[in-house]
């Protein structure tokens, strides 16, 4: 037997199908792979969704309807790197809409309670700048933001 990868499993009470459908519609290179259903004499009604296998950016995920025993926490989040402000705005808007919540420094949670970090690649470039003033300025600006706004991070806005 060979180990051939890791799949992220997201536990939901009864929202696995809705969450997987939302994620696939929100992120590019994503699709539903398969759905399984509860059998008779299970903890959920027969025929209700048990799991949804899906891919985000070509990576495997599993959404499980396991009941109300566990909830999501910001202790685990998914980082999504974006090239443009338009990408940041689109993803941020989709994730915080319909009951999601904004946090700080590019973090938010969706309506299912899953935490995300929507990060412009430019942020990581500026944070690792060889110029300590640029890195400090970027950190200070980032700490004051919810959604990251690239133009407000640029060194030109230092003065």
N, C-alpha and C. Protein backbone atom coordinates (compact mmCIF):
# COMPACT_ATOMS: atom_id res chain seq x y z
N UNK A 1 0.84 -1.18 0.00
CA UNK A 1 0.00 0.00 0.00
C UNK A 1 0.89 1.24 0.00
N UNK A 2 0.57 2.20 -0.84
CA UNK A 2 1.35 3.42 -0.95
C UNK A 2 0.52 4.61 -0.48
N UNK A 3 1.16 5.53 0.19
CA UNK A 3 0.53 6.78 0.56
C UNK A 3 0.65 7.70 -0.65
N UNK A 4 -0.49 8.30 -1.06
CA UNK A 4 -0.43 9.08 -2.29
C UNK A 4 -0.99 10.48 -2.18
N UNK A 5 -1.14 11.00 -0.98
CA UNK A 5 -1.59 12.38 -0.86
C UNK A 5 -2.41 12.62 0.38
N UNK A 6 -2.88 13.85 0.48
CA UNK A 6 -3.67 14.28 1.62
C UNK A 6 -4.94 14.95 1.10
N UNK A 7 -6.06 14.66 1.73
CA UNK A 7 -7.31 15.32 1.41
C UNK A 7 -7.79 16.06 2.64
N UNK A 8 -8.16 17.31 2.49
CA UNK A 8 -8.72 18.09 3.58
C UNK A 8 -10.18 17.70 3.75
N UNK A 9 -10.55 17.32 4.97
CA UNK A 9 -11.94 16.97 5.28
C UNK A 9 -12.53 18.09 6.12
N UNK A 10 -13.64 18.64 5.64
CA UNK A 10 -14.35 19.70 6.36
C UNK A 10 -15.64 19.12 6.94
N UNK A 11 -15.81 19.23 8.23
CA UNK A 11 -16.95 18.67 8.95
C UNK A 11 -18.06 19.72 9.00
N UNK A 12 -19.25 19.31 8.63
CA UNK A 12 -20.43 20.16 8.71
C UNK A 12 -21.52 19.40 9.45
N UNK A 13 -22.50 20.11 9.95
CA UNK A 13 -23.68 19.46 10.53
C UNK A 13 -24.48 18.85 9.39
N UNK A 14 -25.02 19.71 8.53
CA UNK A 14 -25.81 19.22 7.39
C UNK A 14 -25.66 20.12 6.17
N UNK A 15 -24.55 20.83 6.07
CA UNK A 15 -24.35 21.80 4.99
C UNK A 15 -23.26 21.40 4.00
N UNK A 16 -22.83 20.15 4.00
CA UNK A 16 -21.72 19.73 3.15
C UNK A 16 -21.99 20.00 1.67
N UNK A 17 -23.15 19.65 1.20
CA UNK A 17 -23.45 19.84 -0.22
C UNK A 17 -23.52 21.32 -0.58
N UNK A 18 -24.18 22.12 0.25
CA UNK A 18 -24.27 23.56 -0.01
C UNK A 18 -22.88 24.20 0.01
N UNK A 19 -22.04 23.81 0.96
CA UNK A 19 -20.70 24.38 1.06
C UNK A 19 -19.86 23.99 -0.16
N UNK A 20 -19.86 22.72 -0.52
CA UNK A 20 -19.07 22.27 -1.67
C UNK A 20 -19.53 22.97 -2.94
N UNK A 21 -20.82 23.10 -3.12
CA UNK A 21 -21.36 23.78 -4.30
C UNK A 21 -20.92 25.24 -4.32
N UNK A 22 -20.97 25.90 -3.17
CA UNK A 22 -20.53 27.29 -3.06
C UNK A 22 -19.05 27.43 -3.39
N UNK A 23 -18.21 26.58 -2.82
CA UNK A 23 -16.76 26.67 -3.06
C UNK A 23 -16.42 26.43 -4.53
N UNK A 24 -17.06 25.46 -5.13
CA UNK A 24 -16.80 25.14 -6.55
C UNK A 24 -17.22 26.31 -7.44
N UNK A 25 -18.31 26.98 -7.07
CA UNK A 25 -18.76 28.14 -7.86
C UNK A 25 -17.87 29.37 -7.63
N UNK A 26 -17.20 29.43 -6.50
CA UNK A 26 -16.41 30.61 -6.13
C UNK A 26 -14.98 30.55 -6.64
N UNK A 27 -14.35 29.40 -6.60
CA UNK A 27 -12.93 29.28 -6.92
C UNK A 27 -12.72 28.62 -8.28
N UNK A 28 -11.75 29.14 -9.05
CA UNK A 28 -11.46 28.57 -10.37
C UNK A 28 -10.82 27.18 -10.25
N UNK A 29 -10.86 26.44 -11.36
CA UNK A 29 -10.27 25.09 -11.42
C UNK A 29 -10.83 24.21 -10.32
N UNK A 30 -12.15 24.25 -10.15
CA UNK A 30 -12.82 23.52 -9.08
C UNK A 30 -13.99 22.73 -9.64
N UNK A 31 -14.29 21.59 -8.97
CA UNK A 31 -15.41 20.76 -9.43
C UNK A 31 -15.85 19.81 -8.33
N UNK A 32 -17.10 19.39 -8.42
CA UNK A 32 -17.64 18.32 -7.58
C UNK A 32 -17.20 17.01 -8.22
N UNK A 33 -16.65 16.10 -7.42
CA UNK A 33 -16.19 14.82 -7.94
C UNK A 33 -17.24 13.74 -7.72
N UNK A 34 -17.77 13.65 -6.50
CA UNK A 34 -18.79 12.63 -6.21
C UNK A 34 -19.53 12.99 -4.94
N UNK A 35 -20.66 12.34 -4.75
CA UNK A 35 -21.48 12.53 -3.56
C UNK A 35 -21.89 11.16 -3.05
N UNK A 36 -21.81 10.95 -1.75
CA UNK A 36 -22.30 9.71 -1.15
C UNK A 36 -23.44 10.05 -0.20
N UNK A 37 -24.24 9.03 0.12
CA UNK A 37 -25.47 9.26 0.89
C UNK A 37 -25.54 8.30 2.08
N UNK A 38 -26.21 8.73 3.11
CA UNK A 38 -26.44 7.87 4.28
C UNK A 38 -27.34 6.70 3.91
N UNK A 39 -27.03 5.54 4.47
CA UNK A 39 -27.84 4.33 4.30
C UNK A 39 -28.87 4.27 5.43
N UNK A 40 -29.64 3.23 5.45
CA UNK A 40 -30.62 3.05 6.53
C UNK A 40 -29.91 2.84 7.86
N UNK A 41 -30.58 3.17 8.92
CA UNK A 41 -30.08 3.00 10.28
C UNK A 41 -28.78 3.76 10.54
N UNK A 42 -28.63 4.90 9.94
CA UNK A 42 -27.45 5.74 10.16
C UNK A 42 -27.83 6.91 11.06
N UNK A 43 -26.86 7.75 11.39
CA UNK A 43 -27.14 8.87 12.29
C UNK A 43 -27.93 9.99 11.64
N UNK A 44 -28.03 9.97 10.33
CA UNK A 44 -28.82 10.96 9.57
C UNK A 44 -29.86 10.19 8.75
N UNK A 45 -30.87 10.87 8.26
CA UNK A 45 -31.91 10.18 7.49
C UNK A 45 -31.36 9.48 6.24
N UNK A 46 -31.88 8.33 5.96
CA UNK A 46 -31.50 7.58 4.77
C UNK A 46 -31.65 8.46 3.53
N UNK A 47 -30.63 8.43 2.69
CA UNK A 47 -30.67 9.20 1.45
C UNK A 47 -30.16 10.62 1.57
N UNK A 48 -29.92 11.10 2.80
CA UNK A 48 -29.36 12.45 2.94
C UNK A 48 -27.86 12.39 2.64
N UNK A 49 -27.31 13.53 2.29
CA UNK A 49 -25.90 13.58 1.88
C UNK A 49 -24.99 13.24 3.05
N UNK A 50 -24.09 12.30 2.83
CA UNK A 50 -23.05 11.94 3.80
C UNK A 50 -21.78 12.72 3.50
N UNK A 51 -21.27 12.57 2.27
CA UNK A 51 -20.04 13.27 1.89
C UNK A 51 -20.15 13.83 0.47
N UNK A 52 -19.38 14.87 0.23
CA UNK A 52 -19.21 15.42 -1.11
C UNK A 52 -17.71 15.54 -1.34
N UNK A 53 -17.20 14.81 -2.32
CA UNK A 53 -15.81 14.97 -2.72
C UNK A 53 -15.77 16.07 -3.76
N UNK A 54 -14.83 17.01 -3.58
CA UNK A 54 -14.70 18.10 -4.54
C UNK A 54 -13.25 18.52 -4.63
N UNK A 55 -12.94 19.31 -5.65
CA UNK A 55 -11.60 19.83 -5.85
C UNK A 55 -11.65 21.35 -5.91
N UNK A 56 -10.70 21.99 -5.24
CA UNK A 56 -10.48 23.42 -5.33
C UNK A 56 -9.08 23.62 -5.88
N UNK A 57 -8.97 24.37 -6.95
CA UNK A 57 -7.67 24.58 -7.58
C UNK A 57 -6.99 23.24 -7.88
N UNK A 58 -7.78 22.22 -8.19
CA UNK A 58 -7.24 20.91 -8.51
C UNK A 58 -6.84 20.09 -7.29
N UNK A 59 -7.07 20.60 -6.06
CA UNK A 59 -6.70 19.87 -4.84
C UNK A 59 -7.93 19.21 -4.23
N UNK A 60 -7.77 18.00 -3.68
CA UNK A 60 -8.93 17.27 -3.16
C UNK A 60 -9.41 17.78 -1.80
N UNK A 61 -10.72 17.81 -1.66
CA UNK A 61 -11.40 18.13 -0.41
C UNK A 61 -12.55 17.16 -0.23
N UNK A 62 -12.96 17.00 1.01
CA UNK A 62 -14.14 16.21 1.32
C UNK A 62 -14.99 17.00 2.29
N UNK A 63 -16.26 17.17 1.98
CA UNK A 63 -17.20 17.80 2.90
C UNK A 63 -18.04 16.68 3.51
N UNK A 64 -18.10 16.63 4.82
CA UNK A 64 -18.78 15.56 5.54
C UNK A 64 -19.92 16.13 6.38
N UNK A 65 -21.11 15.57 6.23
CA UNK A 65 -22.22 15.90 7.13
C UNK A 65 -22.15 14.95 8.31
N UNK A 66 -21.45 15.36 9.36
CA UNK A 66 -21.24 14.49 10.51
C UNK A 66 -22.08 14.83 11.72
N UNK A 67 -22.86 15.89 11.65
CA UNK A 67 -23.67 16.29 12.79
C UNK A 67 -23.11 17.51 13.49
N UNK A 68 -23.77 17.96 14.54
CA UNK A 68 -23.44 19.23 15.20
C UNK A 68 -22.29 19.15 16.21
N UNK A 69 -21.55 18.06 16.23
CA UNK A 69 -20.56 17.83 17.28
C UNK A 69 -19.34 18.75 17.21
N UNK A 70 -18.97 19.20 16.02
CA UNK A 70 -17.77 20.02 15.84
C UNK A 70 -18.10 21.24 15.01
N UNK A 71 -17.35 22.32 15.25
CA UNK A 71 -17.54 23.52 14.45
C UNK A 71 -16.17 24.01 13.96
N UNK A 72 -16.21 24.87 12.98
CA UNK A 72 -14.98 25.40 12.40
C UNK A 72 -14.39 26.48 13.31
N UNK A 73 -13.09 26.70 13.15
CA UNK A 73 -12.37 27.67 13.96
C UNK A 73 -11.32 28.36 13.10
N UNK A 74 -10.99 29.62 13.40
CA UNK A 74 -9.91 30.29 12.68
C UNK A 74 -8.54 29.64 12.90
N UNK A 75 -8.46 28.67 13.81
CA UNK A 75 -7.19 27.98 14.03
C UNK A 75 -6.75 27.25 12.76
N UNK A 76 -7.68 26.96 11.88
CA UNK A 76 -7.36 26.41 10.56
C UNK A 76 -8.04 27.30 9.54
N UNK A 77 -7.22 27.76 8.59
CA UNK A 77 -7.75 28.61 7.53
C UNK A 77 -7.10 28.22 6.22
N UNK A 78 -7.69 28.69 5.14
CA UNK A 78 -7.16 28.43 3.81
C UNK A 78 -6.67 29.74 3.21
N UNK A 79 -5.40 29.76 2.78
CA UNK A 79 -4.84 30.93 2.14
C UNK A 79 -5.08 30.83 0.65
N UNK A 80 -5.59 31.92 0.08
CA UNK A 80 -5.79 32.00 -1.36
C UNK A 80 -5.00 33.22 -1.84
N UNK A 81 -4.02 32.99 -2.70
CA UNK A 81 -3.18 34.06 -3.20
C UNK A 81 -3.74 34.62 -4.49
N UNK A 82 -3.81 35.93 -4.58
CA UNK A 82 -4.41 36.63 -5.72
C UNK A 82 -3.38 37.55 -6.37
N UNK A 83 -3.48 37.68 -7.69
CA UNK A 83 -2.57 38.55 -8.43
C UNK A 83 -3.06 39.99 -8.52
N UNK A 84 -4.37 40.21 -8.44
CA UNK A 84 -4.92 41.55 -8.65
C UNK A 84 -5.90 41.93 -7.55
N UNK A 85 -6.15 43.23 -7.46
CA UNK A 85 -7.16 43.70 -6.51
C UNK A 85 -8.54 43.21 -6.90
N UNK A 86 -8.78 43.10 -8.20
CA UNK A 86 -10.08 42.60 -8.66
C UNK A 86 -10.33 41.19 -8.15
N UNK A 87 -9.30 40.33 -8.17
CA UNK A 87 -9.45 38.97 -7.64
C UNK A 87 -9.71 39.00 -6.14
N UNK A 88 -8.96 39.83 -5.43
CA UNK A 88 -9.17 39.98 -3.98
C UNK A 88 -10.61 40.41 -3.71
N UNK A 89 -11.06 41.44 -4.40
CA UNK A 89 -12.41 41.97 -4.19
C UNK A 89 -13.48 40.93 -4.48
N UNK A 90 -13.33 40.19 -5.59
CA UNK A 90 -14.34 39.20 -5.97
C UNK A 90 -14.43 38.08 -4.94
N UNK A 91 -13.28 37.53 -4.56
CA UNK A 91 -13.29 36.43 -3.60
C UNK A 91 -13.75 36.88 -2.22
N UNK A 92 -13.25 38.03 -1.78
CA UNK A 92 -13.65 38.57 -0.47
C UNK A 92 -15.17 38.78 -0.44
N UNK A 93 -15.69 39.41 -1.49
CA UNK A 93 -17.12 39.67 -1.55
C UNK A 93 -17.94 38.39 -1.51
N UNK A 94 -17.51 37.38 -2.25
CA UNK A 94 -18.23 36.11 -2.28
C UNK A 94 -18.20 35.44 -0.91
N UNK A 95 -17.05 35.44 -0.27
CA UNK A 95 -16.91 34.73 1.01
C UNK A 95 -17.66 35.41 2.15
N UNK A 96 -17.66 36.73 2.20
CA UNK A 96 -18.33 37.40 3.33
C UNK A 96 -19.81 37.65 3.07
N UNK A 97 -20.26 37.39 1.85
CA UNK A 97 -21.68 37.62 1.55
C UNK A 97 -22.55 36.58 2.25
N UNK A 98 -23.80 36.91 2.42
CA UNK A 98 -24.80 35.96 2.90
C UNK A 98 -24.43 35.32 4.24
N UNK A 99 -23.91 36.13 5.16
CA UNK A 99 -23.64 35.61 6.50
C UNK A 99 -22.19 35.37 6.84
N UNK A 100 -21.26 35.58 5.89
CA UNK A 100 -19.84 35.49 6.22
C UNK A 100 -19.43 36.67 7.07
N UNK A 101 -18.20 36.64 7.58
CA UNK A 101 -17.74 37.73 8.45
C UNK A 101 -16.34 38.17 8.08
N UNK A 102 -16.13 39.48 8.08
CA UNK A 102 -14.81 40.05 7.88
C UNK A 102 -14.04 39.95 9.19
N UNK A 103 -12.75 39.76 9.08
CA UNK A 103 -11.89 39.80 10.25
C UNK A 103 -10.82 40.85 9.95
N UNK A 104 -9.57 40.56 10.27
CA UNK A 104 -8.52 41.53 10.01
C UNK A 104 -7.37 40.89 9.24
N UNK A 105 -6.56 41.74 8.63
CA UNK A 105 -5.34 41.31 7.94
C UNK A 105 -5.59 40.33 6.80
N UNK A 106 -6.71 40.48 6.11
CA UNK A 106 -7.02 39.59 4.99
C UNK A 106 -7.77 38.33 5.37
N UNK A 107 -8.15 38.19 6.63
CA UNK A 107 -8.88 37.01 7.10
C UNK A 107 -10.38 37.28 7.06
N UNK A 108 -11.12 36.25 6.72
CA UNK A 108 -12.58 36.30 6.80
C UNK A 108 -13.09 34.88 7.00
N UNK A 109 -14.37 34.77 7.29
CA UNK A 109 -14.99 33.45 7.35
C UNK A 109 -16.24 33.50 6.48
N UNK A 110 -16.54 32.35 5.87
CA UNK A 110 -17.73 32.28 5.02
C UNK A 110 -18.95 31.94 5.86
N UNK A 111 -20.10 31.87 5.24
CA UNK A 111 -21.35 31.62 5.96
C UNK A 111 -21.40 30.24 6.61
N UNK A 112 -20.46 29.35 6.26
CA UNK A 112 -20.40 28.01 6.86
C UNK A 112 -19.43 27.97 8.04
N UNK A 113 -18.76 29.11 8.30
CA UNK A 113 -17.83 29.19 9.42
C UNK A 113 -16.40 28.82 9.08
N UNK A 114 -16.11 28.53 7.82
CA UNK A 114 -14.75 28.19 7.39
C UNK A 114 -13.95 29.48 7.22
N UNK A 115 -12.72 29.49 7.73
CA UNK A 115 -11.86 30.68 7.69
C UNK A 115 -10.97 30.67 6.45
N UNK A 116 -10.81 31.87 5.88
CA UNK A 116 -10.03 32.08 4.67
C UNK A 116 -9.10 33.26 4.86
N UNK A 117 -7.97 33.22 4.19
CA UNK A 117 -7.07 34.36 4.09
C UNK A 117 -6.97 34.70 2.60
N UNK A 118 -7.46 35.86 2.23
CA UNK A 118 -7.42 36.30 0.83
C UNK A 118 -6.23 37.26 0.72
N UNK A 119 -5.16 36.77 0.13
CA UNK A 119 -3.87 37.44 0.20
C UNK A 119 -3.39 37.85 -1.19
N UNK A 120 -3.20 39.15 -1.43
CA UNK A 120 -2.56 39.57 -2.68
C UNK A 120 -1.08 39.17 -2.64
N UNK A 121 -0.59 38.64 -3.73
CA UNK A 121 0.84 38.28 -3.80
C UNK A 121 1.72 39.50 -3.49
N UNK A 122 1.24 40.67 -3.86
CA UNK A 122 2.02 41.89 -3.61
C UNK A 122 2.26 42.09 -2.11
N UNK A 123 1.33 41.70 -1.28
CA UNK A 123 1.50 41.82 0.17
C UNK A 123 2.73 41.03 0.62
N UNK A 124 2.86 39.81 0.18
CA UNK A 124 4.00 38.99 0.61
C UNK A 124 5.32 39.56 0.08
N UNK A 125 5.29 40.14 -1.12
CA UNK A 125 6.50 40.77 -1.66
C UNK A 125 6.92 41.95 -0.79
N UNK A 126 5.97 42.79 -0.43
CA UNK A 126 6.29 43.98 0.37
C UNK A 126 6.69 43.63 1.80
N UNK A 127 6.05 42.62 2.38
CA UNK A 127 6.40 42.21 3.74
C UNK A 127 7.83 41.67 3.82
N UNK A 128 8.31 41.10 2.72
CA UNK A 128 9.67 40.55 2.71
C UNK A 128 10.67 41.48 2.03
N UNK A 129 10.33 42.76 1.92
CA UNK A 129 11.21 43.74 1.29
C UNK A 129 12.53 43.85 2.05
N UNK A 130 13.60 44.05 1.29
CA UNK A 130 14.93 44.28 1.89
C UNK A 130 14.98 45.64 2.60
N UNK A 131 14.07 46.53 2.24
CA UNK A 131 14.00 47.86 2.87
C UNK A 131 13.14 47.74 4.14
N UNK A 132 13.72 47.88 5.31
CA UNK A 132 12.94 47.71 6.55
C UNK A 132 11.80 48.72 6.69
N UNK A 133 11.93 49.91 6.10
CA UNK A 133 10.84 50.88 6.17
C UNK A 133 9.63 50.40 5.37
N UNK A 134 9.89 49.80 4.23
CA UNK A 134 8.80 49.27 3.40
C UNK A 134 8.11 48.13 4.13
N UNK A 135 8.88 47.20 4.69
CA UNK A 135 8.30 46.07 5.41
C UNK A 135 7.49 46.55 6.62
N UNK A 136 8.02 47.51 7.37
CA UNK A 136 7.31 48.05 8.54
C UNK A 136 6.02 48.75 8.13
N UNK A 137 6.12 49.59 7.11
CA UNK A 137 4.95 50.31 6.60
C UNK A 137 3.87 49.31 6.15
N UNK A 138 4.29 48.28 5.45
CA UNK A 138 3.35 47.27 4.95
C UNK A 138 2.67 46.57 6.11
N UNK A 139 3.44 46.19 7.11
CA UNK A 139 2.87 45.52 8.28
C UNK A 139 1.87 46.42 8.99
N UNK A 140 2.22 47.67 9.19
CA UNK A 140 1.32 48.61 9.87
C UNK A 140 0.03 48.79 9.09
N UNK A 141 0.13 48.95 7.79
CA UNK A 141 -1.07 49.12 6.96
C UNK A 141 -1.93 47.86 6.97
N UNK A 142 -1.28 46.71 6.81
CA UNK A 142 -2.01 45.44 6.81
C UNK A 142 -2.79 45.25 8.12
N UNK A 143 -2.15 45.57 9.24
CA UNK A 143 -2.79 45.38 10.55
C UNK A 143 -4.03 46.25 10.73
N UNK A 144 -4.14 47.33 9.96
CA UNK A 144 -5.29 48.23 10.06
C UNK A 144 -6.40 47.86 9.09
N UNK A 145 -6.19 46.84 8.26
CA UNK A 145 -7.16 46.49 7.22
C UNK A 145 -7.94 45.23 7.58
N UNK A 146 -9.12 45.14 7.03
CA UNK A 146 -9.84 43.87 6.97
C UNK A 146 -9.45 43.24 5.64
N UNK A 147 -10.16 43.62 4.58
CA UNK A 147 -9.76 43.20 3.24
C UNK A 147 -8.50 43.96 2.86
N UNK A 148 -7.55 43.27 2.27
CA UNK A 148 -6.29 43.91 1.88
C UNK A 148 -6.50 44.72 0.61
N UNK A 149 -6.07 45.98 0.65
CA UNK A 149 -6.15 46.88 -0.50
C UNK A 149 -4.71 47.15 -0.93
N UNK A 150 -4.35 46.61 -2.08
CA UNK A 150 -2.96 46.65 -2.56
C UNK A 150 -2.44 48.10 -2.66
N UNK A 151 -3.22 49.00 -3.22
CA UNK A 151 -2.75 50.38 -3.43
C UNK A 151 -2.35 51.06 -2.12
N UNK A 152 -3.01 50.68 -1.02
CA UNK A 152 -2.69 51.29 0.28
C UNK A 152 -1.44 50.70 0.92
N UNK A 153 -0.92 49.63 0.33
CA UNK A 153 0.31 49.00 0.84
C UNK A 153 1.56 49.51 0.15
N UNK A 154 1.38 50.05 -1.05
CA UNK A 154 2.53 50.41 -1.86
C UNK A 154 3.44 51.43 -1.18
N UNK A 155 4.76 51.28 -1.37
CA UNK A 155 5.72 52.20 -0.75
C UNK A 155 5.47 53.67 -1.10
N UNK A 156 4.88 53.95 -2.25
CA UNK A 156 4.58 55.34 -2.63
C UNK A 156 3.63 55.98 -1.62
N UNK A 157 2.83 55.16 -0.92
CA UNK A 157 1.92 55.72 0.07
C UNK A 157 2.60 55.90 1.43
N UNK A 158 3.92 55.67 1.49
CA UNK A 158 4.70 55.86 2.71
C UNK A 158 4.70 57.32 3.16
N UNK A 159 4.71 58.22 2.22
CA UNK A 159 4.85 59.64 2.56
C UNK A 159 3.58 60.40 2.37
